[in-house]
Amino acid sequence: MNTLKTLLFDASNGFLVQARHLLRSIKEIAVIGCRHDDDGTARLAELLKPELILIDMSMRGMNGLQARRESKAHPSWTLVTISCNPRE
């Protein structure tokens, strides 16, 4: 069975802990990395070559919208932007 290599980027470390815990229970998903700051977001994605990236819409620096633009250069990435803010 293949697993979906997944990266998590969110400004909240608490969210990352919870998301990683939840995703660990899904056999088809392998969380290969997490970051709670934007420093090196694109470099980490290029290095680890994920198939799925979950990214916070409102991270400072490389936020979800900027990551969407960046992902166009990487057609193998599937990018999902997430937010807990009802205004986003």
C-alpha atoms as a PDB file:
ATOM      1  CA  MET A   1       0.000   0.000   0.000  1.00  0.00           C
ATOM      2  CA  ASN A   2       1.357   3.431  -0.932  1.00  0.00           C
ATOM      3  CA  THR A   3       1.360   6.237   1.584  1.00  0.00           C
ATOM      4  CA  LEU A   4       0.755   9.897   0.832  1.00  0.00           C
ATOM      5  CA  LYS A   5       3.870  11.828   1.899  1.00  0.00           C
ATOM      6  CA  THR A   6       2.521  14.872   3.741  1.00  0.00           C
ATOM      7  CA  LEU A   7       4.036  18.095   5.106  1.00  0.00           C
ATOM      8  CA  LEU A   8       2.291  20.295   7.667  1.00  0.00           C
ATOM      9  CA  PHE A   9       2.901  24.044   7.982  1.00  0.00           C
ATOM     10  CA  ASP A  10       0.958  26.042  10.568  1.00  0.00           C
ATOM     11  CA  ALA A  11       1.728  29.034  12.789  1.00  0.00           C
ATOM     12  CA  SER A  12       0.280  27.170  15.778  1.00  0.00           C
ATOM     13  CA  ASN A  13       2.501  24.474  17.210  1.00  0.00           C
ATOM     14  CA  GLY A  14      -0.544  23.153  19.090  1.00  0.00           C
ATOM     15  CA  PHE A  15      -2.399  22.640  15.824  1.00  0.00           C
ATOM     16  CA  LEU A  16       0.593  20.805  14.360  1.00  0.00           C
ATOM     17  CA  VAL A  17       0.720  18.423  17.319  1.00  0.00           C
ATOM     18  CA  GLN A  18      -3.000  17.662  17.039  1.00  0.00           C
ATOM     19  CA  ALA A  19      -2.962  17.329  13.238  1.00  0.00           C
ATOM     20  CA  ARG A  20       0.050  15.028  13.316  1.00  0.00           C
ATOM     21  CA  HIS A  21      -1.635  12.871  15.969  1.00  0.00           C
ATOM     22  CA  LEU A  22      -4.840  12.644  13.930  1.00  0.00           C
ATOM     23  CA  LEU A  23      -3.083  11.932  10.635  1.00  0.00           C
ATOM     24  CA  ARG A  24      -0.907   9.240  12.225  1.00  0.00           C
ATOM     25  CA  SER A  25      -4.055   7.153  12.651  1.00  0.00           C
ATOM     26  CA  ILE A  26      -4.589   7.069   8.866  1.00  0.00           C
ATOM     27  CA  LYS A  27      -2.456   4.312   7.341  1.00  0.00           C
ATOM     28  CA  GLU A  28      -2.427   5.926   3.907  1.00  0.00           C
ATOM     29  CA  ILE A  29      -0.813   9.155   5.192  1.00  0.00           C
ATOM     30  CA  ALA A  30       2.811   9.565   6.293  1.00  0.00           C
ATOM     31  CA  VAL A  31       3.619  12.920   7.899  1.00  0.00           C
ATOM     32  CA  ILE A  32       7.195  13.527   6.768  1.00  0.00           C
ATOM     33  CA  GLY A  33       7.656  16.965   8.333  1.00  0.00           C
ATOM     34  CA  CYS A  34       6.133  19.869  10.252  1.00  0.00           C
ATOM     35  CA  ARG A  35       7.048  23.552  10.680  1.00  0.00           C
ATOM     36  CA  HIS A  36       5.450  26.246  12.788  1.00  0.00           C
ATOM     37  CA  ASP A  37       7.356  29.102  11.200  1.00  0.00           C
ATOM     38  CA  ASP A  38       7.810  30.139   7.609  1.00  0.00           C
ATOM     39  CA  ASP A  39      11.609  30.020   7.605  1.00  0.00           C
ATOM     40  CA  GLY A  40      12.559  27.517   4.950  1.00  0.00           C
ATOM     41  CA  THR A  41       9.039  26.373   4.068  1.00  0.00           C
ATOM     42  CA  ALA A  42       9.687  26.132   0.327  1.00  0.00           C
ATOM     43  CA  ARG A  43      13.184  24.666   0.818  1.00  0.00           C
ATOM     44  CA  LEU A  44      11.842  21.953   3.129  1.00  0.00           C
ATOM     45  CA  ALA A  45       9.142  21.062   0.610  1.00  0.00           C
ATOM     46  CA  GLU A  46      11.699  20.896  -2.192  1.00  0.00           C
ATOM     47  CA  LEU A  47      14.004  18.724  -0.076  1.00  0.00           C
ATOM     48  CA  LEU A  48      11.391  16.245   1.218  1.00  0.00           C
ATOM     49  CA  LYS A  49       9.294  16.113  -1.979  1.00  0.00           C
ATOM     50  CA  PRO A  50       5.839  15.745  -0.418  1.00  0.00           C
ATOM     51  CA  GLU A  51       2.779  14.729  -2.358  1.00  0.00           C
ATOM     52  CA  LEU A  52       0.457  16.706  -0.073  1.00  0.00           C
ATOM     53  CA  ILE A  53       1.106  19.977   1.767  1.00  0.00           C
ATOM     54  CA  LEU A  54      -1.280  21.342   4.380  1.00  0.00           C
ATOM     55  CA  ILE A  55      -0.440  25.006   5.019  1.00  0.00           C
ATOM     56  CA  ASP A  56      -1.889  27.702   7.259  1.00  0.00           C
ATOM     57  CA  MET A  57      -3.540  30.451   5.230  1.00  0.00           C
ATOM     58  CA  SER A  58      -2.184  33.156   7.542  1.00  0.00           C
ATOM     59  CA  MET A  59       1.403  32.135   8.287  1.00  0.00           C
ATOM     60  CA  ARG A  60       3.801  35.051   8.242  1.00  0.00           C
ATOM     61  CA  GLY A  61       6.166  35.082   5.307  1.00  0.00           C
ATOM     62  CA  MET A  62       5.157  32.170   3.087  1.00  0.00           C
ATOM     63  CA  ASN A  63       1.415  31.955   3.718  1.00  0.00           C
ATOM     64  CA  GLY A  64      -1.119  29.772   1.944  1.00  0.00           C
ATOM     65  CA  LEU A  65      -1.628  32.180  -0.949  1.00  0.00           C
ATOM     66  CA  GLN A  66       2.092  32.594  -1.585  1.00  0.00           C
ATOM     67  CA  ALA A  67       2.577  28.847  -1.307  1.00  0.00           C
ATOM     68  CA  ARG A  68      -0.143  28.333  -3.920  1.00  0.00           C
ATOM     69  CA  ARG A  69       1.779  30.557  -6.347  1.00  0.00           C
ATOM     70  CA  GLU A  70       5.041  28.748  -5.517  1.00  0.00           C
ATOM     71  CA  SER A  71       3.424  25.341  -6.009  1.00  0.00           C
ATOM     72  CA  LYS A  72       2.756  26.059  -9.682  1.00  0.00           C
ATOM     73  CA  ALA A  73       6.449  25.389 -10.267  1.00  0.00           C
ATOM     74  CA  HIS A  74       6.024  21.989  -8.570  1.00  0.00           C
ATOM     75  CA  PRO A  75       3.189  20.107 -10.265  1.00  0.00           C
ATOM     76  CA  SER A  76       3.733  17.030  -8.072  1.00  0.00           C
ATOM     77  CA  TRP A  77       2.579  18.959  -4.974  1.00  0.00           C
ATOM     78  CA  THR A  78      -1.052  18.989  -3.920  1.00  0.00           C
ATOM     79  CA  LEU A  79      -1.553  22.026  -1.722  1.00  0.00           C
ATOM     80  CA  VAL A  80      -4.396  22.441   0.779  1.00  0.00           C
ATOM     81  CA  THR A  81      -4.656  25.748   2.619  1.00  0.00           C
ATOM     82  CA  ILE A  82      -6.204  25.635   6.078  1.00  0.00           C
ATOM     83  CA  SER A  83      -7.516  28.283   8.441  1.00  0.00           C
ATOM     84  CA  CYS A  84      -9.313  28.522  11.749  1.00  0.00           C
ATOM     85  CA  ASN A  85     -10.150  32.167  11.066  1.00  0.00           C
ATOM     86  CA  PRO A  86     -13.719  32.512   9.737  1.00  0.00           C
ATOM     87  CA  ARG A  87     -12.698  35.656   7.778  1.00  0.00           C
ATOM     88  CA  GLU A  88     -10.225  33.757   5.565  1.00  0.00           C
END
